[in-house]
C-alpha atoms as a PDB file:
ATOM      1  CA  MET A   1      86.178 158.289  73.684  1.00  0.00           C
ATOM      2  CA  ARG A   2      87.254 160.546  70.807  1.00  0.00           C
ATOM      3  CA  ARG A   3      88.037 157.543  68.635  1.00  0.00           C
ATOM      4  CA  THR A   4      84.582 156.066  69.295  1.00  0.00           C
ATOM      5  CA  VAL A   5      82.828 159.341  68.475  1.00  0.00           C
ATOM      6  CA  SER A   6      84.894 159.734  65.278  1.00  0.00           C
ATOM      7  CA  THR A   7      84.131 156.176  64.210  1.00  0.00           C
ATOM      8  CA  LEU A   8      80.422 156.643  64.853  1.00  0.00           C
ATOM      9  CA  ALA A   9      80.393 159.939  62.926  1.00  0.00           C
ATOM     10  CA  ILE A  10      82.085 158.379  59.907  1.00  0.00           C
ATOM     11  CA  ALA A  11      79.849 155.296  60.014  1.00  0.00           C
ATOM     12  CA  GLY A  12      76.759 157.484  60.321  1.00  0.00           C
ATOM     13  CA  SER A  13      77.715 159.587  57.312  1.00  0.00           C
ATOM     14  CA  LEU A  14      78.365 156.461  55.220  1.00  0.00           C
ATOM     15  CA  ILE A  15      74.998 154.999  56.162  1.00  0.00           C
ATOM     16  CA  ALA A  16      73.279 158.303  55.367  1.00  0.00           C
ATOM     17  CA  ALA A  17      75.046 158.497  51.994  1.00  0.00           C
ATOM     18  CA  ALA A  18      74.047 154.961  50.907  1.00  0.00           C
ATOM     19  CA  PRO A  19      70.453 155.906  49.977  1.00  0.00           C
ATOM     20  CA  LEU A  20      71.802 158.837  47.935  1.00  0.00           C
ATOM     21  CA  VAL A  21      73.954 156.492  45.873  1.00  0.00           C
ATOM     22  CA  ALA A  22      70.983 154.205  45.252  1.00  0.00           C
ATOM     23  CA  PHE A  23      68.828 157.207  44.343  1.00  0.00           C
ATOM     24  CA  ALA A  24      71.380 158.628  41.914  1.00  0.00           C
ATOM     25  CA  GLN A  25      70.138 156.545  38.970  1.00  0.00           C
ATOM     26  CA  GLY A  26      66.555 157.392  39.780  1.00  0.00           C
ATOM     27  CA  LEU A  27      66.541 160.948  38.577  1.00  0.00           C
ATOM     28  CA  PRO A  28      69.141 163.335  37.313  1.00  0.00           C
ATOM     29  CA  GLY A  29      70.857 164.965  40.241  1.00  0.00           C
ATOM     30  CA  LEU A  30      72.856 168.130  40.266  1.00  0.00           C
ATOM     31  CA  THR A  31      74.497 168.426  36.860  1.00  0.00           C
ATOM     32  CA  ILE A  32      77.260 170.998  36.670  1.00  0.00           C
ATOM     33  CA  PHE A  33      78.743 172.206  33.375  1.00  0.00           C
ATOM     34  CA  SER A  34      76.391 170.120  31.232  1.00  0.00           C
ATOM     35  CA  GLY A  35      75.695 172.906  28.792  1.00  0.00           C
ATOM     36  CA  VAL A  36      71.963 172.342  29.350  1.00  0.00           C
ATOM     37  CA  GLU A  37      70.124 174.879  31.485  1.00  0.00           C
ATOM     38  CA  ALA A  38      68.320 173.390  34.477  1.00  0.00           C
ATOM     39  CA  LYS A  39      64.944 174.497  33.094  1.00  0.00           C
ATOM     40  CA  ASN A  40      65.592 172.392  29.958  1.00  0.00           C
ATOM     41  CA  GLN A  41      66.600 169.198  31.777  1.00  0.00           C
ATOM     42  CA  LEU A  42      63.974 166.460  31.832  1.00  0.00           C
ATOM     43  CA  SER A  43      63.693 163.754  34.475  1.00  0.00           C
ATOM     44  CA  TYR A  44      64.174 160.051  33.854  1.00  0.00           C
ATOM     45  CA  ARG A  45      64.660 156.730  35.594  1.00  0.00           C
ATOM     46  CA  LEU A  46      66.644 153.639  34.615  1.00  0.00           C
ATOM     47  CA  ASP A  47      64.832 150.688  36.180  1.00  0.00           C
ATOM     48  CA  PHE A  48      67.778 148.292  36.260  1.00  0.00           C
ATOM     49  CA  GLY A  49      70.580 150.594  37.374  1.00  0.00           C
ATOM     50  CA  GLY A  50      72.108 151.876  34.148  1.00  0.00           C
ATOM     51  CA  ASN A  51      75.046 149.465  34.169  1.00  0.00           C
ATOM     52  CA  SER A  52      77.168 149.366  31.028  1.00  0.00           C
ATOM     53  CA  GLY A  53      76.636 146.341  28.802  1.00  0.00           C
ATOM     54  CA  SER A  54      73.449 145.243  30.571  1.00  0.00           C
ATOM     55  CA  TRP A  55      69.745 145.290  29.704  1.00  0.00           C
ATOM     56  CA  ASP A  56      67.632 148.136  31.054  1.00  0.00           C
ATOM     57  CA  ARG A  57      64.331 149.975  30.909  1.00  0.00           C
ATOM     58  CA  TYR A  58      64.402 153.748  30.353  1.00  0.00           C
ATOM     59  CA  ARG A  59      61.572 155.887  31.689  1.00  0.00           C
ATOM     60  CA  PHE A  60      61.751 159.329  30.119  1.00  0.00           C
ATOM     61  CA  ARG A  61      59.398 161.804  31.779  1.00  0.00           C
ATOM     62  CA  ILE A  62      57.990 165.096  30.587  1.00  0.00           C
ATOM     63  CA  GLY A  63      56.108 167.171  33.163  1.00  0.00           C
ATOM     64  CA  ARG A  64      52.846 168.916  32.368  1.00  0.00           C
ATOM     65  CA  GLU A  65      54.537 172.322  32.560  1.00  0.00           C
ATOM     66  CA  LYS A  66      56.589 171.363  29.465  1.00  0.00           C
ATOM     67  CA  VAL A  67      53.597 170.101  27.442  1.00  0.00           C
ATOM     68  CA  LYS A  68      52.189 173.496  26.477  1.00  0.00           C
ATOM     69  CA  LEU A  69      50.881 172.303  23.102  1.00  0.00           C
ATOM     70  CA  ALA A  70      49.287 169.085  21.888  1.00  0.00           C
ATOM     71  CA  ILE A  71      51.847 166.578  20.600  1.00  0.00           C
ATOM     72  CA  ALA A  72      51.449 164.549  17.399  1.00  0.00           C
ATOM     73  CA  GLN A  73      55.018 163.202  17.285  1.00  0.00           C
ATOM     74  CA  PHE A  74      58.020 162.771  19.569  1.00  0.00           C
ATOM     75  CA  ALA A  75      61.520 162.738  18.083  1.00  0.00           C
ATOM     76  CA  ILE A  76      64.271 161.690  20.492  1.00  0.00           C
ATOM     77  CA  ASP A  77      67.800 162.052  19.211  1.00  0.00           C
ATOM     78  CA  TYR A  78      70.916 160.812  20.946  1.00  0.00           C
ATOM     79  CA  PRO A  79      74.677 161.089  20.365  1.00  0.00           C
ATOM     80  CA  ASN A  80      76.496 158.961  17.802  1.00  0.00           C
ATOM     81  CA  TYR A  81      78.781 157.583  20.528  1.00  0.00           C
ATOM     82  CA  PHE A  82      75.801 155.916  22.278  1.00  0.00           C
ATOM     83  CA  LYS A  83      76.353 152.317  21.153  1.00  0.00           C
ATOM     84  CA  GLY A  84      73.316 150.810  22.874  1.00  0.00           C
ATOM     85  CA  THR A  85      70.296 149.262  21.163  1.00  0.00           C
ATOM     86  CA  PHE A  86      66.540 149.889  21.363  1.00  0.00           C
ATOM     87  CA  ASP A  87      63.588 147.629  20.668  1.00  0.00           C
ATOM     88  CA  PRO A  88      60.971 149.670  18.741  1.00  0.00           C
ATOM     89  CA  LYS A  89      58.341 147.013  19.536  1.00  0.00           C
ATOM     90  CA  GLU A  90      58.849 147.574  23.273  1.00  0.00           C
ATOM     91  CA  VAL A  91      58.016 151.283  23.536  1.00  0.00           C
ATOM     92  CA  GLU A  92      55.104 152.472  25.653  1.00  0.00           C
ATOM     93  CA  LEU A  93      53.566 155.901  26.043  1.00  0.00           C
ATOM     94  CA  LEU A  94      51.824 156.904  29.259  1.00  0.00           C
ATOM     95  CA  VAL A  95      49.762 160.092  29.362  1.00  0.00           C
ATOM     96  CA  ASN A  96      48.571 161.106  32.812  1.00  0.00           C
ATOM     97  CA  ASP A  97      49.536 157.594  34.033  1.00  0.00           C
ATOM     98  CA  LYS A  98      47.375 155.837  31.414  1.00  0.00           C
ATOM     99  CA  LYS A  99      48.748 153.793  28.537  1.00  0.00           C
ATOM    100  CA  VAL A 100      48.092 155.414  25.167  1.00  0.00           C
ATOM    101  CA  ALA A 101      48.028 153.618  21.814  1.00  0.00           C
ATOM    102  CA  ILE A 102      51.029 154.192  19.574  1.00  0.00           C
ATOM    103  CA  ASP A 103      50.597 154.220  15.808  1.00  0.00           C
ATOM    104  CA  GLU A 104      54.259 153.722  14.954  1.00  0.00           C
ATOM    105  CA  VAL A 105      57.771 153.787  16.385  1.00  0.00           C
ATOM    106  CA  LYS A 106      60.675 154.360  13.987  1.00  0.00           C
ATOM    107  CA  TRP A 107      64.269 153.829  15.045  1.00  0.00           C
ATOM    108  CA  GLU A 108      66.599 155.432  12.525  1.00  0.00           C
ATOM    109  CA  LYS A 109      69.933 153.956  13.612  1.00  0.00           C
ATOM    110  CA  GLU A 110      71.899 155.855  10.966  1.00  0.00           C
ATOM    111  CA  ASN A 111      70.485 159.218  12.098  1.00  0.00           C
ATOM    112  CA  TYR A 112      70.524 158.444  15.848  1.00  0.00           C
ATOM    113  CA  VAL A 113      66.842 159.243  16.334  1.00  0.00           C
ATOM    114  CA  ILE A 114      63.723 157.467  17.563  1.00  0.00           C
ATOM    115  CA  GLU A 115      60.359 158.792  16.377  1.00  0.00           C
ATOM    116  CA  ILE A 116      57.144 157.975  18.220  1.00  0.00           C
ATOM    117  CA  PHE A 117      53.738 158.630  16.658  1.00  0.00           C
ATOM    118  CA  PRO A 118      50.768 158.343  19.064  1.00  0.00           C
ATOM    119  CA  LYS A 119      47.447 157.276  17.484  1.00  0.00           C
ATOM    120  CA  GLU A 120      45.824 160.406  18.946  1.00  0.00           C
ATOM    121  CA  PRO A 121      47.632 163.658  19.772  1.00  0.00           C
ATOM    122  CA  VAL A 122      48.739 164.012  23.389  1.00  0.00           C
ATOM    123  CA  PRO A 123      46.687 166.848  24.936  1.00  0.00           C
ATOM    124  CA  ALA A 124      48.426 169.991  26.159  1.00  0.00           C
ATOM    125  CA  GLY A 125      49.009 170.083  29.919  1.00  0.00           C
ATOM    126  CA  SER A 126      49.547 166.311  30.228  1.00  0.00           C
ATOM    127  CA  ASN A 127      52.154 164.401  32.176  1.00  0.00           C
ATOM    128  CA  VAL A 128      53.995 162.165  29.722  1.00  0.00           C
ATOM    129  CA  GLU A 129      56.223 159.142  30.266  1.00  0.00           C
ATOM    130  CA  ILE A 130      57.948 157.347  27.405  1.00  0.00           C
ATOM    131  CA  ILE A 131      59.087 153.855  28.377  1.00  0.00           C
ATOM    132  CA  PHE A 132      61.755 152.019  26.401  1.00  0.00           C
ATOM    133  CA  SER A 133      61.979 148.352  27.448  1.00  0.00           C
ATOM    134  CA  ASN A 134      64.641 145.888  26.275  1.00  0.00           C
ATOM    135  CA  VAL A 135      67.318 148.559  25.947  1.00  0.00           C
ATOM    136  CA  LYS A 136      70.862 147.244  25.749  1.00  0.00           C
ATOM    137  CA  ASN A 137      73.125 149.778  27.442  1.00  0.00           C
ATOM    138  CA  PRO A 138      76.403 150.609  25.689  1.00  0.00           C
ATOM    139  CA  ASN A 139      79.456 148.614  26.790  1.00  0.00           C
ATOM    140  CA  SER A 140      81.291 151.785  27.741  1.00  0.00           C
ATOM    141  CA  GLY A 141      79.690 154.047  30.299  1.00  0.00           C
ATOM    142  CA  GLY A 142      79.363 157.773  30.065  1.00  0.00           C
ATOM    143  CA  MET A 143      76.952 160.679  29.966  1.00  0.00           C
ATOM    144  CA  PHE A 144      74.529 160.690  27.056  1.00  0.00           C
ATOM    145  CA  TYR A 145      72.230 163.537  26.039  1.00  0.00           C
ATOM    146  CA  PHE A 146      68.831 162.446  24.724  1.00  0.00           C
ATOM    147  CA  ASN A 147      67.070 165.467  23.211  1.00  0.00           C
ATOM    148  CA  CYS A 148      63.294 165.531  22.930  1.00  0.00           C
ATOM    149  CA  ARG A 149      61.635 167.434  20.135  1.00  0.00           C
ATOM    150  CA  ILE A 150      57.951 167.437  19.264  1.00  0.00           C
ATOM    151  CA  LEU A 151      55.649 168.111  16.363  1.00  0.00           C
ATOM    152  CA  THR A 152      52.211 169.551  17.073  1.00  0.00           C
ATOM    153  CA  PRO A 153      49.083 168.520  15.106  1.00  0.00           C
ATOM    154  CA  GLY A 154      48.652 170.408  11.839  1.00  0.00           C
ATOM    155  CA  ASP A 155      51.919 172.215  12.442  1.00  0.00           C
ATOM    156  CA  VAL A 156      54.463 173.158   9.830  1.00  0.00           C
ATOM    157  CA  PRO A 157      56.767 170.112   9.884  1.00  0.00           C
ATOM    158  CA  LEU A 158      59.434 171.726  12.058  1.00  0.00           C
ATOM    159  CA  LEU A 159      60.278 170.007  15.295  1.00  0.00           C
ATOM    160  CA  ARG A 160      60.252 172.113  18.485  1.00  0.00           C
ATOM    161  CA  ASP A 161      62.768 171.528  21.277  1.00  0.00           C
ATOM    162  CA  LEU A 162      61.200 170.351  24.517  1.00  0.00           C
ATOM    163  CA  GLY A 163      64.195 169.446  26.682  1.00  0.00           C
ATOM    164  CA  THR A 164      67.037 167.017  27.327  1.00  0.00           C
ATOM    165  CA  TRP A 165      67.451 163.870  29.399  1.00  0.00           C
ATOM    166  CA  ILE A 166      71.050 163.623  30.601  1.00  0.00           C
ATOM    167  CA  VAL A 167      71.471 159.879  31.077  1.00  0.00           C
ATOM    168  CA  THR A 168      74.428 158.408  32.929  1.00  0.00           C
ATOM    169  CA  ILE A 169      75.524 154.850  32.222  1.00  0.00           C
ATOM    170  CA  GLN A 170      78.105 153.472  34.661  1.00  0.00           C
END
């Protein structure tokens, strides 16, 4: 009887843990010792699992509580050890779940930054999602910090920090 109960308990915990493993790539979970305060971590989703060496779609989200000012430009920098590739022609910007026209996307490979210029400034208090399609994940997995900085309309050209997406590639 004890053996049966033990087996059922172990099987039940494995079954309960399976959805957590599947959910892990959906949003950043508990990140300990990242060097980034929880209030500065931004949520994301990798549509195709974040497997090293494979193609993926990154969905970088910025909640309305972070968008305190209008945004004229997004600058997303990433570490020099991220050896993946981006397709600047396959970037979308959703504001409050509606697609917004983009004027230009610049990928500066040498400086490890992607700049996105919406045709019209993103209004303050908006939910924002930046979608990168046709991303080739790096061949070696790891944890990669993508930092988001913004420029507001008519602002002195100094980028303001908005937060960090801590992306895990397996």
